[in-house]
Amino acid sequence: LEAQGAEQEKIKEELKNLSEGQNNIVKTQDDISTKLSAILAYLANHP
């Protein structure tokens, strides 16, 4: 039973790391999107 508890803790930790990783991916995508928008706006103003 103790081993099962430890296993559950490990799974919880992995899930936490996974969702943190996903948050970072979303942040990175937003960052790329912002930069892309800035580049496109710049290009639109400089034909």
PDB file of N, CA and C in Angstrom:
ATOM      1  N   LEU A   1       0.835  -1.203   0.000  1.00  0.00           N
ATOM      2  CA  LEU A   1       0.000   0.000   0.000  1.00  0.00           C
ATOM      3  C   LEU A   1       0.870   1.254   0.000  1.00  0.00           C
ATOM      4  N   GLU A   2       1.991   1.169   0.725  1.00  0.00           N
ATOM      5  CA  GLU A   2       2.909   2.310   0.775  1.00  0.00           C
ATOM      6  C   GLU A   2       3.503   2.585  -0.608  1.00  0.00           C
ATOM      7  N   ALA A   3       3.816   1.487  -1.298  1.00  0.00           N
ATOM      8  CA  ALA A   3       4.369   1.607  -2.655  1.00  0.00           C
ATOM      9  C   ALA A   3       3.352   2.267  -3.585  1.00  0.00           C
ATOM     10  N   GLN A   4       2.086   1.940  -3.368  1.00  0.00           N
ATOM     11  CA  GLN A   4       1.028   2.516  -4.201  1.00  0.00           C
ATOM     12  C   GLN A   4       0.932   4.028  -3.973  1.00  0.00           C
ATOM     13  N   GLY A   5       1.065   4.434  -2.716  1.00  0.00           N
ATOM     14  CA  GLY A   5       1.045   5.857  -2.385  1.00  0.00           C
ATOM     15  C   GLY A   5       2.199   6.592  -3.034  1.00  0.00           C
ATOM     16  N   ALA A   6       3.375   5.982  -2.989  1.00  0.00           N
ATOM     17  CA  ALA A   6       4.559   6.582  -3.601  1.00  0.00           C
ATOM     18  C   ALA A   6       4.372   6.697  -5.108  1.00  0.00           C
ATOM     19  N   GLU A   7       3.789   5.666  -5.693  1.00  0.00           N
ATOM     20  CA  GLU A   7       3.529   5.652  -7.136  1.00  0.00           C
ATOM     21  C   GLU A   7       2.562   6.783  -7.511  1.00  0.00           C
ATOM     22  N   GLN A   8       1.525   6.971  -6.694  1.00  0.00           N
ATOM     23  CA  GLN A   8       0.554   8.038  -6.944  1.00  0.00           C
ATOM     24  C   GLN A   8       1.214   9.412  -6.849  1.00  0.00           C
ATOM     25  N   GLU A   9       2.099   9.571  -5.868  1.00  0.00           N
ATOM     26  CA  GLU A   9       2.825  10.837  -5.724  1.00  0.00           C
ATOM     27  C   GLU A   9       3.667  11.113  -6.966  1.00  0.00           C
ATOM     28  N   LYS A  10       4.314  10.056  -7.469  1.00  0.00           N
ATOM     29  CA  LYS A  10       5.151  10.178  -8.659  1.00  0.00           C
ATOM     30  C   LYS A  10       4.300  10.623  -9.856  1.00  0.00           C
ATOM     31  N   ILE A  11       3.128   9.993  -9.993  1.00  0.00           N
ATOM     32  CA  ILE A  11       2.224  10.330 -11.098  1.00  0.00           C
ATOM     33  C   ILE A  11       1.753  11.781 -10.965  1.00  0.00           C
ATOM     34  N   LYS A  12       1.400  12.190  -9.739  1.00  0.00           N
ATOM     35  CA  LYS A  12       0.977  13.579  -9.501  1.00  0.00           C
ATOM     36  C   LYS A  12       2.066  14.557  -9.920  1.00  0.00           C
ATOM     37  N   GLU A  13       3.292  14.245  -9.536  1.00  0.00           N
ATOM     38  CA  GLU A  13       4.441  15.097  -9.854  1.00  0.00           C
ATOM     39  C   GLU A  13       4.631  15.184 -11.371  1.00  0.00           C
ATOM     40  N   GLU A  14       4.518  14.039 -12.045  1.00  0.00           N
ATOM     41  CA  GLU A  14       4.669  14.018 -13.502  1.00  0.00           C
ATOM     42  C   GLU A  14       3.578  14.836 -14.180  1.00  0.00           C
ATOM     43  N   LEU A  15       2.356  14.731 -13.670  1.00  0.00           N
ATOM     44  CA  LEU A  15       1.250  15.511 -14.231  1.00  0.00           C
ATOM     45  C   LEU A  15       1.489  17.003 -14.045  1.00  0.00           C
ATOM     46  N   LYS A  16       2.006  17.365 -12.863  1.00  0.00           N
ATOM     47  CA  LYS A  16       2.306  18.771 -12.587  1.00  0.00           C
ATOM     48  C   LYS A  16       3.359  19.284 -13.570  1.00  0.00           C
ATOM     49  N   ASN A  17       4.412  18.498 -13.769  1.00  0.00           N
ATOM     50  CA  ASN A  17       5.466  18.878 -14.706  1.00  0.00           C
ATOM     51  C   ASN A  17       4.926  19.000 -16.122  1.00  0.00           C
ATOM     52  N   LEU A  18       4.024  18.089 -16.468  1.00  0.00           N
ATOM     53  CA  LEU A  18       3.432  18.092 -17.800  1.00  0.00           C
ATOM     54  C   LEU A  18       2.626  19.370 -18.027  1.00  0.00           C
ATOM     55  N   SER A  19       1.796  19.739 -17.042  1.00  0.00           N
ATOM     56  CA  SER A  19       0.985  20.933 -17.243  1.00  0.00           C
ATOM     57  C   SER A  19       1.837  22.196 -17.225  1.00  0.00           C
ATOM     58  N   GLU A  20       2.924  22.201 -16.449  1.00  0.00           N
ATOM     59  CA  GLU A  20       3.855  23.333 -16.491  1.00  0.00           C
ATOM     60  C   GLU A  20       4.480  23.438 -17.876  1.00  0.00           C
ATOM     61  N   GLY A  21       4.843  22.293 -18.435  1.00  0.00           N
ATOM     62  CA  GLY A  21       5.411  22.262 -19.778  1.00  0.00           C
ATOM     63  C   GLY A  21       4.435  22.793 -20.809  1.00  0.00           C
ATOM     64  N   GLN A  22       3.174  22.424 -20.664  1.00  0.00           N
ATOM     65  CA  GLN A  22       2.158  22.897 -21.600  1.00  0.00           C
ATOM     66  C   GLN A  22       1.966  24.403 -21.481  1.00  0.00           C
ATOM     67  N   ASN A  23       2.004  24.926 -20.254  1.00  0.00           N
ATOM     68  CA  ASN A  23       1.904  26.372 -20.063  1.00  0.00           C
ATOM     69  C   ASN A  23       3.045  27.087 -20.762  1.00  0.00           C
ATOM     70  N   ASN A  24       4.245  26.509 -20.671  1.00  0.00           N
ATOM     71  CA  ASN A  24       5.404  27.098 -21.346  1.00  0.00           C
ATOM     72  C   ASN A  24       5.228  27.086 -22.855  1.00  0.00           C
ATOM     73  N   ILE A  25       4.657  26.004 -23.387  1.00  0.00           N
ATOM     74  CA  ILE A  25       4.413  25.914 -24.829  1.00  0.00           C
ATOM     75  C   ILE A  25       3.440  27.010 -25.257  1.00  0.00           C
ATOM     76  N   VAL A  26       2.370  27.183 -24.501  1.00  0.00           N
ATOM     77  CA  VAL A  26       1.378  28.211 -24.824  1.00  0.00           C
ATOM     78  C   VAL A  26       2.027  29.588 -24.794  1.00  0.00           C
ATOM     79  N   LYS A  27       2.868  29.830 -23.772  1.00  0.00           N
ATOM     80  CA  LYS A  27       3.568  31.109 -23.654  1.00  0.00           C
ATOM     81  C   LYS A  27       4.480  31.338 -24.854  1.00  0.00           C
ATOM     82  N   THR A  28       5.193  30.301 -25.252  1.00  0.00           N
ATOM     83  CA  THR A  28       6.091  30.392 -26.405  1.00  0.00           C
ATOM     84  C   THR A  28       5.306  30.675 -27.681  1.00  0.00           C
ATOM     85  N   GLN A  29       4.161  30.013 -27.846  1.00  0.00           N
ATOM     86  CA  GLN A  29       3.333  30.246 -29.032  1.00  0.00           C
ATOM     87  C   GLN A  29       2.819  31.680 -29.058  1.00  0.00           C
ATOM     88  N   ASP A  30       2.405  32.200 -27.911  1.00  0.00           N
ATOM     89  CA  ASP A  30       1.951  33.590 -27.833  1.00  0.00           C
ATOM     90  C   ASP A  30       3.081  34.528 -28.215  1.00  0.00           C
ATOM     91  N   ASP A  31       4.274  34.226 -27.726  1.00  0.00           N
ATOM     92  CA  ASP A  31       5.463  35.024 -28.011  1.00  0.00           C
ATOM     93  C   ASP A  31       5.747  35.044 -29.513  1.00  0.00           C
ATOM     94  N   ILE A  32       5.712  33.870 -30.135  1.00  0.00           N
ATOM     95  CA  ILE A  32       5.948  33.762 -31.580  1.00  0.00           C
ATOM     96  C   ILE A  32       4.881  34.550 -32.328  1.00  0.00           C
ATOM     97  N   SER A  33       3.646  34.406 -31.906  1.00  0.00           N
ATOM     98  CA  SER A  33       2.530  35.095 -32.546  1.00  0.00           C
ATOM     99  C   SER A  33       2.707  36.610 -32.471  1.00  0.00           C
ATOM    100  N   THR A  34       3.116  37.096 -31.303  1.00  0.00           N
ATOM    101  CA  THR A  34       3.347  38.529 -31.111  1.00  0.00           C
ATOM    102  C   THR A  34       4.455  39.024 -32.032  1.00  0.00           C
ATOM    103  N   LYS A  35       5.551  38.276 -32.088  1.00  0.00           N
ATOM    104  CA  LYS A  35       6.678  38.662 -32.943  1.00  0.00           C
ATOM    105  C   LYS A  35       6.285  38.636 -34.412  1.00  0.00           C
ATOM    106  N   LEU A  36       5.530  37.611 -34.800  1.00  0.00           N
ATOM    107  CA  LEU A  36       5.087  37.499 -36.184  1.00  0.00           C
ATOM    108  C   LEU A  36       4.196  38.686 -36.551  1.00  0.00           C
ATOM    109  N   SER A  37       3.293  39.045 -35.663  1.00  0.00           N
ATOM    110  CA  SER A  37       2.417  40.194 -35.907  1.00  0.00           C
ATOM    111  C   SER A  37       3.232  41.467 -36.088  1.00  0.00           C
ATOM    112  N   ALA A  38       4.252  41.637 -35.248  1.00  0.00           N
ATOM    113  CA  ALA A  38       5.114  42.817 -35.339  1.00  0.00           C
ATOM    114  C   ALA A  38       5.852  42.843 -36.677  1.00  0.00           C
ATOM    115  N   ILE A  39       6.354  41.693 -37.098  1.00  0.00           N
ATOM    116  CA  ILE A  39       7.067  41.605 -38.378  1.00  0.00           C
ATOM    117  C   ILE A  39       6.123  41.933 -39.533  1.00  0.00           C
ATOM    118  N   LEU A  40       4.922  41.353 -39.497  1.00  0.00           N
ATOM    119  CA  LEU A  40       3.954  41.602 -40.570  1.00  0.00           C
ATOM    120  C   LEU A  40       3.539  43.070 -40.613  1.00  0.00           C
ATOM    121  N   ALA A  41       3.356  43.676 -39.451  1.00  0.00           N
ATOM    122  CA  ALA A  41       3.003  45.096 -39.393  1.00  0.00           C
ATOM    123  C   ALA A  41       4.136  45.937 -39.971  1.00  0.00           C
ATOM    124  N   TYR A  42       5.360  45.589 -39.632  1.00  0.00           N
ATOM    125  CA  TYR A  42       6.528  46.299 -40.153  1.00  0.00           C
ATOM    126  C   TYR A  42       6.582  46.191 -41.675  1.00  0.00           C
ATOM    127  N   LEU A  43       6.411  44.976 -42.183  1.00  0.00           N
ATOM    128  CA  LEU A  43       6.462  44.757 -43.631  1.00  0.00           C
ATOM    129  C   LEU A  43       5.339  45.512 -44.345  1.00  0.00           C
ATOM    130  N   ALA A  44       4.173  45.570 -43.733  1.00  0.00           N
ATOM    131  CA  ALA A  44       3.041  46.272 -44.337  1.00  0.00           C
ATOM    132  C   ALA A  44       3.342  47.763 -44.471  1.00  0.00           C
ATOM    133  N   ASN A  45       4.120  48.298 -43.539  1.00  0.00           N
ATOM    134  CA  ASN A  45       4.453  49.727 -43.551  1.00  0.00           C
ATOM    135  C   ASN A  45       5.694  50.037 -44.371  1.00  0.00           C
ATOM    136  N   HIS A  46       6.390  49.015 -44.823  1.00  0.00           N
ATOM    137  CA  HIS A  46       7.621  49.210 -45.595  1.00  0.00           C
ATOM    138  C   HIS A  46       7.586  48.349 -46.859  1.00  0.00           C
ATOM    139  N   PRO A  47       6.802  48.753 -47.836  1.00  0.00           N
ATOM    140  CA  PRO A  47       6.675  47.925 -49.038  1.00  0.00           C
ATOM    141  C   PRO A  47       7.971  47.894 -49.845  1.00  0.00           C
TER     142      PRO A  47
END
